[in-house]
PDB file of N, CA and C in Angstrom:
ATOM      1  N   MET A   1     -18.993 -19.362 -10.127  1.00  0.00           N
ATOM      2  CA  MET A   1     -19.183 -20.133  -8.925  1.00  0.00           C
ATOM      3  C   MET A   1     -18.926 -19.273  -7.692  1.00  0.00           C
ATOM      4  N   TYR A   2     -17.819 -18.572  -7.688  1.00  0.00           N
ATOM      5  CA  TYR A   2     -17.466 -17.754  -6.538  1.00  0.00           C
ATOM      6  C   TYR A   2     -17.446 -16.299  -6.968  1.00  0.00           C
ATOM      7  N   ASP A   3     -18.360 -15.510  -6.424  1.00  0.00           N
ATOM      8  CA  ASP A   3     -18.458 -14.099  -6.778  1.00  0.00           C
ATOM      9  C   ASP A   3     -17.969 -13.262  -5.613  1.00  0.00           C
ATOM     10  N   ASN A   4     -16.830 -12.592  -5.811  1.00  0.00           N
ATOM     11  CA  ASN A   4     -16.252 -11.765  -4.760  1.00  0.00           C
ATOM     12  C   ASN A   4     -16.418 -10.294  -5.131  1.00  0.00           C
ATOM     13  N   SER A   5     -17.653  -9.879  -5.386  1.00  0.00           N
ATOM     14  CA  SER A   5     -17.898  -8.507  -5.797  1.00  0.00           C
ATOM     15  C   SER A   5     -17.925  -7.549  -4.617  1.00  0.00           C
ATOM     16  N   ASN A   6     -18.064  -8.055  -3.417  1.00  0.00           N
ATOM     17  CA  ASN A   6     -18.082  -7.209  -2.228  1.00  0.00           C
ATOM     18  C   ASN A   6     -16.688  -7.093  -1.642  1.00  0.00           C
ATOM     19  N   ARG A   7     -15.818  -6.387  -2.331  1.00  0.00           N
ATOM     20  CA  ARG A   7     -14.449  -6.191  -1.861  1.00  0.00           C
ATOM     21  C   ARG A   7     -14.410  -4.975  -0.948  1.00  0.00           C
ATOM     22  N   ASP A   8     -13.537  -5.048   0.019  1.00  0.00           N
ATOM     23  CA  ASP A   8     -13.339  -3.937   0.937  1.00  0.00           C
ATOM     24  C   ASP A   8     -12.126  -3.140   0.453  1.00  0.00           C
ATOM     25  N   TRP A   9     -12.363  -2.172  -0.433  1.00  0.00           N
ATOM     26  CA  TRP A   9     -11.271  -1.415  -1.045  1.00  0.00           C
ATOM     27  C   TRP A   9     -10.521  -0.591  -0.012  1.00  0.00           C
ATOM     28  N   VAL A  10     -11.247   0.012   0.908  1.00  0.00           N
ATOM     29  CA  VAL A  10     -10.600   0.849   1.928  1.00  0.00           C
ATOM     30  C   VAL A  10      -9.730  -0.011   2.834  1.00  0.00           C
ATOM     31  N   GLY A  11     -10.231  -1.160   3.223  1.00  0.00           N
ATOM     32  CA  GLY A  11      -9.452  -2.058   4.070  1.00  0.00           C
ATOM     33  C   GLY A  11      -8.213  -2.575   3.364  1.00  0.00           C
ATOM     34  N   SER A  12      -8.362  -2.921   2.095  1.00  0.00           N
ATOM     35  CA  SER A  12      -7.208  -3.391   1.327  1.00  0.00           C
ATOM     36  C   SER A  12      -6.165  -2.298   1.177  1.00  0.00           C
ATOM     37  N   LEU A  13      -6.612  -1.090   0.907  1.00  0.00           N
ATOM     38  CA  LEU A  13      -5.684   0.033   0.761  1.00  0.00           C
ATOM     39  C   LEU A  13      -4.990   0.341   2.086  1.00  0.00           C
ATOM     40  N   LEU A  14      -5.719   0.263   3.178  1.00  0.00           N
ATOM     41  CA  LEU A  14      -5.140   0.533   4.492  1.00  0.00           C
ATOM     42  C   LEU A  14      -4.092  -0.511   4.862  1.00  0.00           C
ATOM     43  N   ILE A  15      -4.387  -1.768   4.650  1.00  0.00           N
ATOM     44  CA  ILE A  15      -3.431  -2.835   4.963  1.00  0.00           C
ATOM     45  C   ILE A  15      -2.187  -2.713   4.093  1.00  0.00           C
ATOM     46  N   ALA A  16      -2.379  -2.419   2.808  1.00  0.00           N
ATOM     47  CA  ALA A  16      -1.236  -2.254   1.915  1.00  0.00           C
ATOM     48  C   ALA A  16      -0.388  -1.049   2.311  1.00  0.00           C
ATOM     49  N   ALA A  17      -1.023   0.031   2.715  1.00  0.00           N
ATOM     50  CA  ALA A  17      -0.289   1.231   3.122  1.00  0.00           C
ATOM     51  C   ALA A  17       0.482   0.991   4.417  1.00  0.00           C
ATOM     52  N   ILE A  18      -0.098   0.233   5.330  1.00  0.00           N
ATOM     53  CA  ILE A  18       0.612  -0.078   6.575  1.00  0.00           C
ATOM     54  C   ILE A  18       1.840  -0.931   6.278  1.00  0.00           C
ATOM     55  N   GLY A  19       1.678  -1.920   5.422  1.00  0.00           N
ATOM     56  CA  GLY A  19       2.812  -2.771   5.067  1.00  0.00           C
ATOM     57  C   GLY A  19       3.926  -1.998   4.384  1.00  0.00           C
ATOM     58  N   ALA A  20       3.566  -1.134   3.452  1.00  0.00           N
ATOM     59  CA  ALA A  20       4.576  -0.321   2.772  1.00  0.00           C
ATOM     60  C   ALA A  20       5.147   0.732   3.708  1.00  0.00           C
ATOM     61  N   GLY A  21       4.329   1.225   4.612  1.00  0.00           N
ATOM     62  CA  GLY A  21       4.774   2.255   5.545  1.00  0.00           C
ATOM     63  C   GLY A  21       5.814   1.767   6.524  1.00  0.00           C
ATOM     64  N   VAL A  22       5.748   0.499   6.892  1.00  0.00           N
ATOM     65  CA  VAL A  22       6.743  -0.057   7.812  1.00  0.00           C
ATOM     66  C   VAL A  22       8.130  -0.008   7.184  1.00  0.00           C
ATOM     67  N   ILE A  23       8.232  -0.448   5.960  1.00  0.00           N
ATOM     68  CA  ILE A  23       9.518  -0.434   5.263  1.00  0.00           C
ATOM     69  C   ILE A  23       9.960   0.999   4.979  1.00  0.00           C
ATOM     70  N   THR A  24       9.026   1.852   4.591  1.00  0.00           N
ATOM     71  CA  THR A  24       9.366   3.236   4.289  1.00  0.00           C
ATOM     72  C   THR A  24       9.816   3.982   5.534  1.00  0.00           C
ATOM     73  N   SER A  25       9.212   3.690   6.680  1.00  0.00           N
ATOM     74  CA  SER A  25       9.635   4.357   7.912  1.00  0.00           C
ATOM     75  C   SER A  25      11.075   3.995   8.261  1.00  0.00           C
ATOM     76  N   PHE A  26      11.470   2.772   7.954  1.00  0.00           N
ATOM     77  CA  PHE A  26      12.872   2.396   8.166  1.00  0.00           C
ATOM     78  C   PHE A  26      13.777   3.203   7.246  1.00  0.00           C
ATOM     79  N   ALA A  27      13.375   3.358   5.992  1.00  0.00           N
ATOM     80  CA  ALA A  27      14.184   4.124   5.041  1.00  0.00           C
ATOM     81  C   ALA A  27      14.280   5.591   5.471  1.00  0.00           C
ATOM     82  N   VAL A  28      13.201   6.152   5.975  1.00  0.00           N
ATOM     83  CA  VAL A  28      13.224   7.537   6.448  1.00  0.00           C
ATOM     84  C   VAL A  28      14.139   7.665   7.663  1.00  0.00           C
ATOM     85  N   SER A  29      14.137   6.664   8.525  1.00  0.00           N
ATOM     86  CA  SER A  29      15.018   6.722   9.689  1.00  0.00           C
ATOM     87  C   SER A  29      16.489   6.633   9.297  1.00  0.00           C
ATOM     88  N   GLN A  30      16.765   6.120   8.105  1.00  0.00           N
ATOM     89  CA  GLN A  30      18.134   6.041   7.605  1.00  0.00           C
ATOM     90  C   GLN A  30      18.532   7.278   6.808  1.00  0.00           C
ATOM     91  N   GLY A  31      17.636   8.256   6.667  1.00  0.00           N
ATOM     92  CA  GLY A  31      17.988   9.516   6.038  1.00  0.00           C
ATOM     93  C   GLY A  31      17.252   9.857   4.758  1.00  0.00           C
ATOM     94  N   GLN A  32      16.279   9.053   4.363  1.00  0.00           N
ATOM     95  CA  GLN A  32      15.520   9.366   3.152  1.00  0.00           C
ATOM     96  C   GLN A  32      14.570  10.527   3.429  1.00  0.00           C
ATOM     97  N   ASN A  33      14.281  11.300   2.397  1.00  0.00           N
ATOM     98  CA  ASN A  33      13.355  12.412   2.507  1.00  0.00           C
ATOM     99  C   ASN A  33      11.954  11.873   2.856  1.00  0.00           C
ATOM    100  N   PRO A  34      11.292  12.427   3.896  1.00  0.00           N
ATOM    101  CA  PRO A  34       9.960  11.931   4.278  1.00  0.00           C
ATOM    102  C   PRO A  34       8.906  12.057   3.177  1.00  0.00           C
ATOM    103  N   LEU A  35       8.981  13.103   2.362  1.00  0.00           N
ATOM    104  CA  LEU A  35       8.009  13.232   1.272  1.00  0.00           C
ATOM    105  C   LEU A  35       8.187  12.142   0.234  1.00  0.00           C
ATOM    106  N   GLU A  36       9.414  11.785  -0.049  1.00  0.00           N
ATOM    107  CA  GLU A  36       9.663  10.664  -0.961  1.00  0.00           C
ATOM    108  C   GLU A  36       9.140   9.370  -0.344  1.00  0.00           C
ATOM    109  N   GLY A  37       9.318   9.216   0.944  1.00  0.00           N
ATOM    110  CA  GLY A  37       8.818   8.028   1.624  1.00  0.00           C
ATOM    111  C   GLY A  37       7.310   7.913   1.542  1.00  0.00           C
ATOM    112  N   LEU A  38       6.615   9.032   1.721  1.00  0.00           N
ATOM    113  CA  LEU A  38       5.152   9.017   1.613  1.00  0.00           C
ATOM    114  C   LEU A  38       4.715   8.703   0.186  1.00  0.00           C
ATOM    115  N   GLY A  39       5.443   9.232  -0.791  1.00  0.00           N
ATOM    116  CA  GLY A  39       5.127   8.933  -2.186  1.00  0.00           C
ATOM    117  C   GLY A  39       5.309   7.466  -2.504  1.00  0.00           C
ATOM    118  N   ILE A  40       6.399   6.890  -2.018  1.00  0.00           N
ATOM    119  CA  ILE A  40       6.652   5.470  -2.239  1.00  0.00           C
ATOM    120  C   ILE A  40       5.568   4.627  -1.578  1.00  0.00           C
ATOM    121  N   THR A  41       5.166   5.007  -0.369  1.00  0.00           N
ATOM    122  CA  THR A  41       4.108   4.275   0.334  1.00  0.00           C
ATOM    123  C   THR A  41       2.799   4.337  -0.437  1.00  0.00           C
ATOM    124  N   ALA A  42       2.441   5.515  -0.947  1.00  0.00           N
ATOM    125  CA  ALA A  42       1.193   5.664  -1.692  1.00  0.00           C
ATOM    126  C   ALA A  42       1.215   4.844  -2.977  1.00  0.00           C
ATOM    127  N   ILE A  43       2.321   4.894  -3.699  1.00  0.00           N
ATOM    128  CA  ILE A  43       2.426   4.131  -4.950  1.00  0.00           C
ATOM    129  C   ILE A  43       2.357   2.634  -4.675  1.00  0.00           C
ATOM    130  N   ALA A  44       3.041   2.185  -3.627  1.00  0.00           N
ATOM    131  CA  ALA A  44       3.022   0.760  -3.295  1.00  0.00           C
ATOM    132  C   ALA A  44       1.625   0.303  -2.876  1.00  0.00           C
ATOM    133  N   ALA A  45       0.912   1.124  -2.130  1.00  0.00           N
ATOM    134  CA  ALA A  45      -0.436   0.758  -1.694  1.00  0.00           C
ATOM    135  C   ALA A  45      -1.395   0.678  -2.881  1.00  0.00           C
ATOM    136  N   VAL A  46      -1.326   1.638  -3.780  1.00  0.00           N
ATOM    137  CA  VAL A  46      -2.197   1.614  -4.958  1.00  0.00           C
ATOM    138  C   VAL A  46      -1.863   0.432  -5.850  1.00  0.00           C
ATOM    139  N   ALA A  47      -0.582   0.148  -6.019  1.00  0.00           N
ATOM    140  CA  ALA A  47      -0.183  -1.000  -6.832  1.00  0.00           C
ATOM    141  C   ALA A  47      -0.684  -2.305  -6.222  1.00  0.00           C
ATOM    142  N   ALA A  48      -0.602  -2.437  -4.906  1.00  0.00           N
ATOM    143  CA  ALA A  48      -1.064  -3.655  -4.239  1.00  0.00           C
ATOM    144  C   ALA A  48      -2.562  -3.853  -4.405  1.00  0.00           C
ATOM    145  N   VAL A  49      -3.321  -2.792  -4.267  1.00  0.00           N
ATOM    146  CA  VAL A  49      -4.781  -2.902  -4.427  1.00  0.00           C
ATOM    147  C   VAL A  49      -5.140  -3.190  -5.879  1.00  0.00           C
ATOM    148  N   THR A  50      -4.414  -2.582  -6.823  1.00  0.00           N
ATOM    149  CA  THR A  50      -4.654  -2.863  -8.242  1.00  0.00           C
ATOM    150  C   THR A  50      -4.376  -4.314  -8.579  1.00  0.00           C
ATOM    151  N   ILE A  51      -3.282  -4.824  -8.089  1.00  0.00           N
ATOM    152  CA  ILE A  51      -2.943  -6.236  -8.335  1.00  0.00           C
ATOM    153  C   ILE A  51      -3.982  -7.138  -7.688  1.00  0.00           C
ATOM    154  N   ASP A  52      -4.435  -6.782  -6.478  1.00  0.00           N
ATOM    155  CA  ASP A  52      -5.465  -7.577  -5.810  1.00  0.00           C
ATOM    156  C   ASP A  52      -6.760  -7.574  -6.620  1.00  0.00           C
ATOM    157  N   CYS A  53      -7.077  -6.456  -7.237  1.00  0.00           N
ATOM    158  CA  CYS A  53      -8.288  -6.350  -8.052  1.00  0.00           C
ATOM    159  C   CYS A  53      -8.189  -7.218  -9.299  1.00  0.00           C
ATOM    160  N   LEU A  54      -7.014  -7.220  -9.914  1.00  0.00           N
ATOM    161  CA  LEU A  54      -6.839  -7.975 -11.157  1.00  0.00           C
ATOM    162  C   LEU A  54      -6.739  -9.475 -10.942  1.00  0.00           C
ATOM    163  N   LEU A  55      -6.294  -9.890  -9.783  1.00  0.00           N
ATOM    164  CA  LEU A  55      -6.171 -11.317  -9.515  1.00  0.00           C
ATOM    165  C   LEU A  55      -7.368 -11.772  -8.798  1.00  0.00           C
TER     166      LEU A  55
END
């Protein structure tokens, strides 16, 4: 009935990365390594898009 085959993967990834980046930037400001913060942001964004794809 409802076909959502036209997903905006780039937009979903960008929104997820911005959301994860806000929290990660706070952690970096508290002393976390910036490279670890970028890794956490990337993993969270990919996980969010994967979950969005599966649901």
